[in-house]
Amino acid sequence: MIKGFKMKLYEGMAEEYERRHNELWPEMIDMIHEHGGKNYSIFLDKETNILFGYIEIEDTELWAKGADTAINRKWWDFMADIMETNPDNSPVAIDLDLLFHLK
C-alpha cells in the first residue's frame, strides 16, 4: 500500500530538517520498519515550505500503531520546533489521495 501526505516546515528550516533526517536515529529506523514502512521519501517544495511524504506500508493498522511508540513521540518532540505541529507535537500531516500509480 502506498501512502502520500503533506506537512509544512517553518520558514528557513529546510537545512535543519534535512540535517536531522540525515542523522535519523537507528531506533526510529527500526520502528518504521517494524511497523511495516519501507521506501520512505520526503520531498520539499521550496516555494511553499510544504513537505511531501511518500511511504510504502504493509498495513494501515500496523502503521498507525507506530505513532504510539515512545521513540516516535520523542521524534515528534525533537522536530516540533521546526515544523507545524498539533498540540501533542505530532506533525500536522494531511493525507493525500492517490489518483495514479504506475508500476
PDB file of N, CA and C in Angstrom:
ATOM      1  N   MET A   1       0.841  -1.163   0.000  1.00  0.00           N
ATOM      2  CA  MET A   1       0.000   0.000   0.000  1.00  0.00           C
ATOM      3  C   MET A   1       0.899   1.244   0.000  1.00  0.00           C
ATOM      4  N   ILE A   2       0.494   2.241  -0.743  1.00  0.00           N
ATOM      5  CA  ILE A   2       1.237   3.489  -0.852  1.00  0.00           C
ATOM      6  C   ILE A   2       0.524   4.570  -0.055  1.00  0.00           C
ATOM      7  N   LYS A   3       1.291   5.366   0.659  1.00  0.00           N
ATOM      8  CA  LYS A   3       0.736   6.462   1.440  1.00  0.00           C
ATOM      9  C   LYS A   3       1.452   7.745   1.046  1.00  0.00           C
ATOM     10  N   GLY A   4       0.677   8.779   0.752  1.00  0.00           N
ATOM     11  CA  GLY A   4       1.221  10.098   0.464  1.00  0.00           C
ATOM     12  C   GLY A   4       0.607  11.106   1.411  1.00  0.00           C
ATOM     13  N   PHE A   5       1.411  12.077   1.850  1.00  0.00           N
ATOM     14  CA  PHE A   5       0.919  13.077   2.795  1.00  0.00           C
ATOM     15  C   PHE A   5       1.758  14.338   2.661  1.00  0.00           C
ATOM     16  N   LYS A   6       1.230  15.440   3.214  1.00  0.00           N
ATOM     17  CA  LYS A   6       1.987  16.678   3.206  1.00  0.00           C
ATOM     18  C   LYS A   6       2.043  17.261   4.609  1.00  0.00           C
ATOM     19  N   MET A   7       3.143  17.992   4.858  1.00  0.00           N
ATOM     20  CA  MET A   7       3.383  18.670   6.122  1.00  0.00           C
ATOM     21  C   MET A   7       3.996  20.028   5.775  1.00  0.00           C
ATOM     22  N   LYS A   8       4.208  20.866   6.767  1.00  0.00           N
ATOM     23  CA  LYS A   8       4.764  22.181   6.475  1.00  0.00           C
ATOM     24  C   LYS A   8       5.886  22.535   7.439  1.00  0.00           C
ATOM     25  N   LEU A   9       6.996  22.985   6.848  1.00  0.00           N
ATOM     26  CA  LEU A   9       8.145  23.480   7.618  1.00  0.00           C
ATOM     27  C   LEU A   9       7.969  24.955   7.918  1.00  0.00           C
ATOM     28  N   TYR A  10       8.571  25.387   9.009  1.00  0.00           N
ATOM     29  CA  TYR A  10       8.657  26.813   9.261  1.00  0.00           C
ATOM     30  C   TYR A  10       9.706  27.410   8.317  1.00  0.00           C
ATOM     31  N   GLU A  11       9.540  28.662   7.999  1.00  0.00           N
ATOM     32  CA  GLU A  11      10.448  29.378   7.097  1.00  0.00           C
ATOM     33  C   GLU A  11      11.895  29.229   7.573  1.00  0.00           C
ATOM     34  N   GLY A  12      12.776  28.926   6.626  1.00  0.00           N
ATOM     35  CA  GLY A  12      14.208  28.843   6.911  1.00  0.00           C
ATOM     36  C   GLY A  12      14.657  27.567   7.601  1.00  0.00           C
ATOM     37  N   MET A  13      13.814  26.561   7.693  1.00  0.00           N
ATOM     38  CA  MET A  13      14.150  25.344   8.430  1.00  0.00           C
ATOM     39  C   MET A  13      14.495  24.146   7.544  1.00  0.00           C
ATOM     40  N   ALA A  14      14.583  24.335   6.242  1.00  0.00           N
ATOM     41  CA  ALA A  14      14.831  23.206   5.337  1.00  0.00           C
ATOM     42  C   ALA A  14      16.169  22.528   5.619  1.00  0.00           C
ATOM     43  N   GLU A  15      17.225  23.303   5.784  1.00  0.00           N
ATOM     44  CA  GLU A  15      18.539  22.695   6.040  1.00  0.00           C
ATOM     45  C   GLU A  15      18.551  21.925   7.351  1.00  0.00           C
ATOM     46  N   GLU A  16      17.927  22.477   8.372  1.00  0.00           N
ATOM     47  CA  GLU A  16      17.874  21.797   9.669  1.00  0.00           C
ATOM     48  C   GLU A  16      17.048  20.522   9.583  1.00  0.00           C
ATOM     49  N   TYR A  17      15.935  20.563   8.857  1.00  0.00           N
ATOM     50  CA  TYR A  17      15.102  19.378   8.670  1.00  0.00           C
ATOM     51  C   TYR A  17      15.909  18.283   7.976  1.00  0.00           C
ATOM     52  N   GLU A  18      16.604  18.654   6.921  1.00  0.00           N
ATOM     53  CA  GLU A  18      17.412  17.674   6.196  1.00  0.00           C
ATOM     54  C   GLU A  18      18.532  17.115   7.084  1.00  0.00           C
ATOM     55  N   ARG A  19      19.197  17.986   7.852  1.00  0.00           N
ATOM     56  CA  ARG A  19      20.279  17.535   8.734  1.00  0.00           C
ATOM     57  C   ARG A  19      19.756  16.509   9.737  1.00  0.00           C
ATOM     58  N   ARG A  20      18.634  16.817  10.355  1.00  0.00           N
ATOM     59  CA  ARG A  20      18.083  15.894  11.362  1.00  0.00           C
ATOM     60  C   ARG A  20      17.702  14.555  10.742  1.00  0.00           C
ATOM     61  N   HIS A  21      17.185  14.565   9.540  1.00  0.00           N
ATOM     62  CA  HIS A  21      16.818  13.305   8.888  1.00  0.00           C
ATOM     63  C   HIS A  21      18.037  12.543   8.385  1.00  0.00           C
ATOM     64  N   ASN A  22      19.090  13.252   8.035  1.00  0.00           N
ATOM     65  CA  ASN A  22      20.330  12.570   7.651  1.00  0.00           C
ATOM     66  C   ASN A  22      20.971  11.876   8.847  1.00  0.00           C
ATOM     67  N   GLU A  23      20.604  12.294  10.043  1.00  0.00           N
ATOM     68  CA  GLU A  23      21.097  11.686  11.278  1.00  0.00           C
ATOM     69  C   GLU A  23      19.988  10.924  12.002  1.00  0.00           C
ATOM     70  N   LEU A  24      19.013  10.408  11.237  1.00  0.00           N
ATOM     71  CA  LEU A  24      17.864   9.715  11.813  1.00  0.00           C
ATOM     72  C   LEU A  24      18.326   8.629  12.772  1.00  0.00           C
ATOM     73  N   TRP A  25      17.745   8.631  13.954  1.00  0.00           N
ATOM     74  CA  TRP A  25      18.133   7.689  14.999  1.00  0.00           C
ATOM     75  C   TRP A  25      17.872   6.250  14.558  1.00  0.00           C
ATOM     76  N   PRO A  26      18.800   5.347  14.850  1.00  0.00           N
ATOM     77  CA  PRO A  26      18.598   3.929  14.500  1.00  0.00           C
ATOM     78  C   PRO A  26      17.304   3.358  15.078  1.00  0.00           C
ATOM     79  N   GLU A  27      16.924   3.796  16.281  1.00  0.00           N
ATOM     80  CA  GLU A  27      15.685   3.306  16.894  1.00  0.00           C
ATOM     81  C   GLU A  27      14.461   3.749  16.105  1.00  0.00           C
ATOM     82  N   MET A  28      14.546   4.918  15.492  1.00  0.00           N
ATOM     83  CA  MET A  28      13.431   5.413  14.680  1.00  0.00           C
ATOM     84  C   MET A  28      13.337   4.607  13.377  1.00  0.00           C
ATOM     85  N   ILE A  29      14.482   4.323  12.790  1.00  0.00           N
ATOM     86  CA  ILE A  29      14.510   3.488  11.579  1.00  0.00           C
ATOM     87  C   ILE A  29      13.909   2.116  11.881  1.00  0.00           C
ATOM     88  N   ASP A  30      14.310   1.543  13.019  1.00  0.00           N
ATOM     89  CA  ASP A  30      13.771   0.234  13.415  1.00  0.00           C
ATOM     90  C   ASP A  30      12.258   0.286  13.587  1.00  0.00           C
ATOM     91  N   MET A  31      11.756   1.354  14.234  1.00  0.00           N
ATOM     92  CA  MET A  31      10.317   1.476  14.453  1.00  0.00           C
ATOM     93  C   MET A  31       9.572   1.551  13.127  1.00  0.00           C
ATOM     94  N   ILE A  32      10.080   2.327  12.183  1.00  0.00           N
ATOM     95  CA  ILE A  32       9.441   2.438  10.865  1.00  0.00           C
ATOM     96  C   ILE A  32       9.346   1.071  10.208  1.00  0.00           C
ATOM     97  N   HIS A  33      10.452   0.337  10.215  1.00  0.00           N
ATOM     98  CA  HIS A  33      10.456  -0.990   9.599  1.00  0.00           C
ATOM     99  C   HIS A  33       9.563  -1.976  10.351  1.00  0.00           C
ATOM    100  N   GLU A  34       9.604  -1.935  11.690  1.00  0.00           N
ATOM    101  CA  GLU A  34       8.798  -2.851  12.493  1.00  0.00           C
ATOM    102  C   GLU A  34       7.299  -2.609  12.307  1.00  0.00           C
ATOM    103  N   HIS A  35       6.936  -1.401  11.899  1.00  0.00           N
ATOM    104  CA  HIS A  35       5.523  -1.076  11.691  1.00  0.00           C
ATOM    105  C   HIS A  35       5.147  -1.069  10.206  1.00  0.00           C
ATOM    106  N   GLY A  36       5.973  -1.764   9.414  1.00  0.00           N
ATOM    107  CA  GLY A  36       5.621  -2.036   8.029  1.00  0.00           C
ATOM    108  C   GLY A  36       5.959  -0.955   7.026  1.00  0.00           C
ATOM    109  N   GLY A  37       6.803   0.003   7.387  1.00  0.00           N
ATOM    110  CA  GLY A  37       7.174   1.065   6.460  1.00  0.00           C
ATOM    111  C   GLY A  37       8.455   0.765   5.706  1.00  0.00           C
ATOM    112  N   LYS A  38       8.473   1.113   4.412  1.00  0.00           N
ATOM    113  CA  LYS A  38       9.676   0.973   3.599  1.00  0.00           C
ATOM    114  C   LYS A  38       9.599   1.973   2.441  1.00  0.00           C
ATOM    115  N   ASN A  39      10.719   2.159   1.764  1.00  0.00           N
ATOM    116  CA  ASN A  39      10.785   3.095   0.631  1.00  0.00           C
ATOM    117  C   ASN A  39      10.173   4.449   0.998  1.00  0.00           C
ATOM    118  N   TYR A  40      10.688   5.029   2.077  1.00  0.00           N
ATOM    119  CA  TYR A  40      10.177   6.275   2.635  1.00  0.00           C
ATOM    120  C   TYR A  40      10.982   7.440   2.075  1.00  0.00           C
ATOM    121  N   SER A  41      10.306   8.378   1.460  1.00  0.00           N
ATOM    122  CA  SER A  41      10.946   9.577   0.921  1.00  0.00           C
ATOM    123  C   SER A  41      10.140  10.804   1.315  1.00  0.00           C
ATOM    124  N   ILE A  42      10.847  11.911   1.523  1.00  0.00           N
ATOM    125  CA  ILE A  42      10.196  13.182   1.814  1.00  0.00           C
ATOM    126  C   ILE A  42      10.806  14.226   0.889  1.00  0.00           C
ATOM    127  N   PHE A  43       9.951  14.960   0.200  1.00  0.00           N
ATOM    128  CA  PHE A  43      10.368  15.986  -0.755  1.00  0.00           C
ATOM    129  C   PHE A  43       9.944  17.361  -0.235  1.00  0.00           C
ATOM    130  N   LEU A  44      10.672  18.397  -0.636  1.00  0.00           N
ATOM    131  CA  LEU A  44      10.372  19.768  -0.228  1.00  0.00           C
ATOM    132  C   LEU A  44      10.020  20.625  -1.431  1.00  0.00           C
ATOM    133  N   ASP A  45       8.920  21.361  -1.325  1.00  0.00           N
ATOM    134  CA  ASP A  45       8.592  22.417  -2.280  1.00  0.00           C
ATOM    135  C   ASP A  45       9.155  23.705  -1.680  1.00  0.00           C
ATOM    136  N   LYS A  46      10.254  24.190  -2.212  1.00  0.00           N
ATOM    137  CA  LYS A  46      10.952  25.349  -1.647  1.00  0.00           C
ATOM    138  C   LYS A  46      10.124  26.633  -1.697  1.00  0.00           C
ATOM    139  N   GLU A  47       9.194  26.720  -2.635  1.00  0.00           N
ATOM    140  CA  GLU A  47       8.375  27.934  -2.749  1.00  0.00           C
ATOM    141  C   GLU A  47       7.357  28.047  -1.617  1.00  0.00           C
ATOM    142  N   THR A  48       6.893  26.915  -1.090  1.00  0.00           N
ATOM    143  CA  THR A  48       5.823  26.929  -0.086  1.00  0.00           C
ATOM    144  C   THR A  48       6.236  26.349   1.267  1.00  0.00           C
ATOM    145  N   ASN A  49       7.410  25.742   1.344  1.00  0.00           N
ATOM    146  CA  ASN A  49       7.867  25.014   2.532  1.00  0.00           C
ATOM    147  C   ASN A  49       6.991  23.807   2.848  1.00  0.00           C
ATOM    148  N   ILE A  50       6.273  23.321   1.843  1.00  0.00           N
ATOM    149  CA  ILE A  50       5.455  22.122   2.005  1.00  0.00           C
ATOM    150  C   ILE A  50       6.330  20.890   1.769  1.00  0.00           C
ATOM    151  N   LEU A  51       6.234  19.945   2.688  1.00  0.00           N
ATOM    152  CA  LEU A  51       6.900  18.658   2.554  1.00  0.00           C
ATOM    153  C   LEU A  51       5.903  17.663   1.990  1.00  0.00           C
ATOM    154  N   PHE A  52       6.344  16.850   1.057  1.00  0.00           N
ATOM    155  CA  PHE A  52       5.527  15.764   0.518  1.00  0.00           C
ATOM    156  C   PHE A  52       6.186  14.458   0.921  1.00  0.00           C
ATOM    157  N   GLY A  53       5.449  13.636   1.654  1.00  0.00           N
ATOM    158  CA  GLY A  53       5.962  12.352   2.090  1.00  0.00           C
ATOM    159  C   GLY A  53       5.367  11.219   1.276  1.00  0.00           C
ATOM    160  N   TYR A  54       6.200  10.243   0.972  1.00  0.00           N
ATOM    161  CA  TYR A  54       5.797   9.035   0.253  1.00  0.00           C
ATOM    162  C   TYR A  54       6.357   7.857   1.037  1.00  0.00           C
ATOM    163  N   ILE A  55       5.498   6.909   1.365  1.00  0.00           N
ATOM    164  CA  ILE A  55       5.961   5.704   2.042  1.00  0.00           C
ATOM    165  C   ILE A  55       5.118   4.524   1.597  1.00  0.00           C
ATOM    166  N   GLU A  56       5.750   3.380   1.498  1.00  0.00           N
ATOM    167  CA  GLU A  56       5.047   2.139   1.235  1.00  0.00           C
ATOM    168  C   GLU A  56       4.865   1.438   2.570  1.00  0.00           C
ATOM    169  N   ILE A  57       3.617   1.055   2.881  1.00  0.00           N
ATOM    170  CA  ILE A  57       3.323   0.399   4.149  1.00  0.00           C
ATOM    171  C   ILE A  57       2.647  -0.947   3.894  1.00  0.00           C
ATOM    172  N   GLU A  58       2.858  -1.857   4.828  1.00  0.00           N
ATOM    173  CA  GLU A  58       2.266  -3.192   4.706  1.00  0.00           C
ATOM    174  C   GLU A  58       0.791  -3.187   5.074  1.00  0.00           C
ATOM    175  N   ASP A  59       0.435  -2.432   6.127  1.00  0.00           N
ATOM    176  CA  ASP A  59      -0.917  -2.484   6.679  1.00  0.00           C
ATOM    177  C   ASP A  59      -1.191  -1.162   7.396  1.00  0.00           C
ATOM    178  N   THR A  60      -2.337  -0.560   7.151  1.00  0.00           N
ATOM    179  CA  THR A  60      -2.629   0.746   7.752  1.00  0.00           C
ATOM    180  C   THR A  60      -2.753   0.669   9.273  1.00  0.00           C
ATOM    181  N   GLU A  61      -3.317  -0.400   9.800  1.00  0.00           N
ATOM    182  CA  GLU A  61      -3.448  -0.530  11.259  1.00  0.00           C
ATOM    183  C   GLU A  61      -2.091  -0.682  11.921  1.00  0.00           C
ATOM    184  N   LEU A  62      -1.227  -1.520  11.344  1.00  0.00           N
ATOM    185  CA  LEU A  62       0.121  -1.693  11.888  1.00  0.00           C
ATOM    186  C   LEU A  62       0.884  -0.369  11.838  1.00  0.00           C
ATOM    187  N   TRP A  63       0.784   0.339  10.718  1.00  0.00           N
ATOM    188  CA  TRP A  63       1.479   1.615  10.567  1.00  0.00           C
ATOM    189  C   TRP A  63       0.984   2.622  11.605  1.00  0.00           C
ATOM    190  N   ALA A  64      -0.312   2.688  11.818  1.00  0.00           N
ATOM    191  CA  ALA A  64      -0.881   3.636  12.773  1.00  0.00           C
ATOM    192  C   ALA A  64      -0.388   3.383  14.197  1.00  0.00           C
ATOM    193  N   LYS A  65      -0.123   2.140  14.538  1.00  0.00           N
ATOM    194  CA  LYS A  65       0.371   1.809  15.875  1.00  0.00           C
ATOM    195  C   LYS A  65       1.752   2.404  16.142  1.00  0.00           C
ATOM    196  N   GLY A  66       2.510   2.682  15.110  1.00  0.00           N
ATOM    197  CA  GLY A  66       3.826   3.286  15.278  1.00  0.00           C
ATOM    198  C   GLY A  66       3.772   4.666  15.914  1.00  0.00           C
ATOM    199  N   ALA A  67       2.663   5.370  15.730  1.00  0.00           N
ATOM    200  CA  ALA A  67       2.517   6.715  16.305  1.00  0.00           C
ATOM    201  C   ALA A  67       2.556   6.679  17.822  1.00  0.00           C
ATOM    202  N   ASP A  68       2.133   5.569  18.433  1.00  0.00           N
ATOM    203  CA  ASP A  68       2.070   5.480  19.885  1.00  0.00           C
ATOM    204  C   ASP A  68       3.329   4.920  20.533  1.00  0.00           C
ATOM    205  N   THR A  69       4.394   4.778  19.764  1.00  0.00           N
ATOM    206  CA  THR A  69       5.630   4.281  20.353  1.00  0.00           C
ATOM    207  C   THR A  69       6.397   5.427  21.019  1.00  0.00           C
ATOM    208  N   ALA A  70       7.169   5.080  22.030  1.00  0.00           N
ATOM    209  CA  ALA A  70       7.951   6.087  22.756  1.00  0.00           C
ATOM    210  C   ALA A  70       8.953   6.776  21.833  1.00  0.00           C
ATOM    211  N   ILE A  71       9.592   6.030  20.954  1.00  0.00           N
ATOM    212  CA  ILE A  71      10.594   6.636  20.074  1.00  0.00           C
ATOM    213  C   ILE A  71       9.943   7.603  19.090  1.00  0.00           C
ATOM    214  N   ASN A  72       8.760   7.280  18.613  1.00  0.00           N
ATOM    215  CA  ASN A  72       8.081   8.181  17.686  1.00  0.00           C
ATOM    216  C   ASN A  72       7.688   9.480  18.387  1.00  0.00           C
ATOM    217  N   ARG A  73       7.175   9.374  19.606  1.00  0.00           N
ATOM    218  CA  ARG A  73       6.800  10.581  20.350  1.00  0.00           C
ATOM    219  C   ARG A  73       8.036  11.429  20.666  1.00  0.00           C
ATOM    220  N   LYS A  74       9.166  10.774  20.946  1.00  0.00           N
ATOM    221  CA  LYS A  74      10.420  11.501  21.179  1.00  0.00           C
ATOM    222  C   LYS A  74      10.836  12.242  19.899  1.00  0.00           C
ATOM    223  N   TRP A  75      10.673  11.592  18.738  1.00  0.00           N
ATOM    224  CA  TRP A  75      11.000  12.222  17.456  1.00  0.00           C
ATOM    225  C   TRP A  75      10.099  13.435  17.213  1.00  0.00           C
ATOM    226  N   TRP A  76       8.810  13.276  17.477  1.00  0.00           N
ATOM    227  CA  TRP A  76       7.892  14.401  17.302  1.00  0.00           C
ATOM    228  C   TRP A  76       8.336  15.591  18.152  1.00  0.00           C
ATOM    229  N   ASP A  77       8.695  15.338  19.400  1.00  0.00           N
ATOM    230  CA  ASP A  77       9.155  16.419  20.280  1.00  0.00           C
ATOM    231  C   ASP A  77      10.411  17.075  19.722  1.00  0.00           C
ATOM    232  N   PHE A  78      11.314  16.268  19.190  1.00  0.00           N
ATOM    233  CA  PHE A  78      12.575  16.748  18.620  1.00  0.00           C
ATOM    234  C   PHE A  78      12.337  17.629  17.394  1.00  0.00           C
ATOM    235  N   MET A  79      11.309  17.330  16.621  1.00  0.00           N
ATOM    236  CA  MET A  79      11.047  18.060  15.379  1.00  0.00           C
ATOM    237  C   MET A  79      10.079  19.234  15.541  1.00  0.00           C
ATOM    238  N   ALA A  80       9.431  19.371  16.671  1.00  0.00           N
ATOM    239  CA  ALA A  80       8.349  20.346  16.853  1.00  0.00           C
ATOM    240  C   ALA A  80       8.785  21.798  16.674  1.00  0.00           C
ATOM    241  N   ASP A  81      10.046  22.101  16.890  1.00  0.00           N
ATOM    242  CA  ASP A  81      10.489  23.497  16.792  1.00  0.00           C
ATOM    243  C   ASP A  81      10.723  23.964  15.361  1.00  0.00           C
ATOM    244  N   ILE A  82      10.657  23.054  14.386  1.00  0.00           N
ATOM    245  CA  ILE A  82      10.959  23.468  13.007  1.00  0.00           C
ATOM    246  C   ILE A  82       9.811  23.246  12.023  1.00  0.00           C
ATOM    247  N   MET A  83       8.667  22.752  12.516  1.00  0.00           N
ATOM    248  CA  MET A  83       7.548  22.493  11.604  1.00  0.00           C
ATOM    249  C   MET A  83       6.214  22.655  12.319  1.00  0.00           C
ATOM    250  N   GLU A  84       5.151  22.776  11.537  1.00  0.00           N
ATOM    251  CA  GLU A  84       3.816  22.895  12.112  1.00  0.00           C
ATOM    252  C   GLU A  84       3.432  21.589  12.798  1.00  0.00           C
ATOM    253  N   THR A  85       2.932  21.714  14.039  1.00  0.00           N
ATOM    254  CA  THR A  85       2.571  20.531  14.815  1.00  0.00           C
ATOM    255  C   THR A  85       1.213  20.719  15.483  1.00  0.00           C
ATOM    256  N   ASN A  86       0.661  19.599  15.892  1.00  0.00           N
ATOM    257  CA  ASN A  86      -0.554  19.563  16.696  1.00  0.00           C
ATOM    258  C   ASN A  86      -0.175  19.750  18.167  1.00  0.00           C
ATOM    259  N   PRO A  87      -1.159  19.913  19.072  1.00  0.00           N
ATOM    260  CA  PRO A  87      -0.842  20.098  20.488  1.00  0.00           C
ATOM    261  C   PRO A  87       0.006  18.982  21.109  1.00  0.00           C
ATOM    262  N   ASP A  88      -0.067  17.760  20.576  1.00  0.00           N
ATOM    263  CA  ASP A  88       0.750  16.654  21.104  1.00  0.00           C
ATOM    264  C   ASP A  88       2.113  16.564  20.427  1.00  0.00           C
ATOM    265  N   ASN A  89       2.479  17.583  19.645  1.00  0.00           N
ATOM    266  CA  ASN A  89       3.731  17.672  18.883  1.00  0.00           C
ATOM    267  C   ASN A  89       3.783  16.775  17.660  1.00  0.00           C
ATOM    268  N   SER A  90       2.711  16.042  17.369  1.00  0.00           N
ATOM    269  CA  SER A  90       2.684  15.298  16.109  1.00  0.00           C
ATOM    270  C   SER A  90       2.640  16.313  14.972  1.00  0.00           C
ATOM    271  N   PRO A  91       3.303  16.015  13.853  1.00  0.00           N
ATOM    272  CA  PRO A  91       3.252  16.966  12.749  1.00  0.00           C
ATOM    273  C   PRO A  91       1.838  17.097  12.192  1.00  0.00           C
ATOM    274  N   VAL A  92       1.501  18.306  11.797  1.00  0.00           N
ATOM    275  CA  VAL A  92       0.249  18.491  11.083  1.00  0.00           C
ATOM    276  C   VAL A  92       0.458  17.832   9.728  1.00  0.00           C
ATOM    277  N   ALA A  93      -0.153  16.687   9.525  1.00  0.00           N
ATOM    278  CA  ALA A  93       0.027  15.905   8.298  1.00  0.00           C
ATOM    279  C   ALA A  93      -1.339  15.690   7.650  1.00  0.00           C
ATOM    280  N   ILE A  94      -1.400  16.000   6.386  1.00  0.00           N
ATOM    281  CA  ILE A  94      -2.638  15.840   5.630  1.00  0.00           C
ATOM    282  C   ILE A  94      -2.436  14.720   4.622  1.00  0.00           C
ATOM    283  N   ASP A  95      -3.229  13.666   4.758  1.00  0.00           N
ATOM    284  CA  ASP A  95      -3.154  12.560   3.808  1.00  0.00           C
ATOM    285  C   ASP A  95      -3.606  13.032   2.433  1.00  0.00           C
ATOM    286  N   LEU A  96      -2.942  12.535   1.413  1.00  0.00           N
ATOM    287  CA  LEU A  96      -3.269  12.859   0.032  1.00  0.00           C
ATOM    288  C   LEU A  96      -3.906  11.638  -0.629  1.00  0.00           C
ATOM    289  N   ASP A  97      -4.832  11.869  -1.518  1.00  0.00           N
ATOM    290  CA  ASP A  97      -5.494  10.789  -2.246  1.00  0.00           C
ATOM    291  C   ASP A  97      -4.650  10.364  -3.437  1.00  0.00           C
ATOM    292  N   LEU A  98      -4.438   9.077  -3.582  1.00  0.00           N
ATOM    293  CA  LEU A  98      -3.730   8.529  -4.730  1.00  0.00           C
ATOM    294  C   LEU A  98      -4.666   8.520  -5.940  1.00  0.00           C
ATOM    295  N   LEU A  99      -4.275   9.203  -7.004  1.00  0.00           N
ATOM    296  CA  LEU A  99      -5.091   9.245  -8.209  1.00  0.00           C
ATOM    297  C   LEU A  99      -4.465   8.461  -9.357  1.00  0.00           C
ATOM    298  N   PHE A 100      -3.161   8.200  -9.281  1.00  0.00           N
ATOM    299  CA  PHE A 100      -2.497   7.469 -10.344  1.00  0.00           C
ATOM    300  C   PHE A 100      -1.247   6.807  -9.778  1.00  0.00           C
ATOM    301  N   HIS A 101      -1.018   5.561 -10.181  1.00  0.00           N
ATOM    302  CA  HIS A 101       0.197   4.841  -9.796  1.00  0.00           C
ATOM    303  C   HIS A 101       0.553   3.896 -10.945  1.00  0.00           C
ATOM    304  N   LEU A 102       1.798   3.932 -11.355  1.00  0.00           N
ATOM    305  CA  LEU A 102       2.298   3.058 -12.408  1.00  0.00           C
ATOM    306  C   LEU A 102       3.424   2.216 -11.838  1.00  0.00           C
ATOM    307  N   LYS A 103       3.335   0.907 -11.984  1.00  0.00           N
ATOM    308  CA  LYS A 103       4.407   0.007 -11.524  1.00  0.00           C
ATOM    309  C   LYS A 103       5.310  -0.313 -12.690  1.00  0.00           C
TER     310      LYS A 103
END
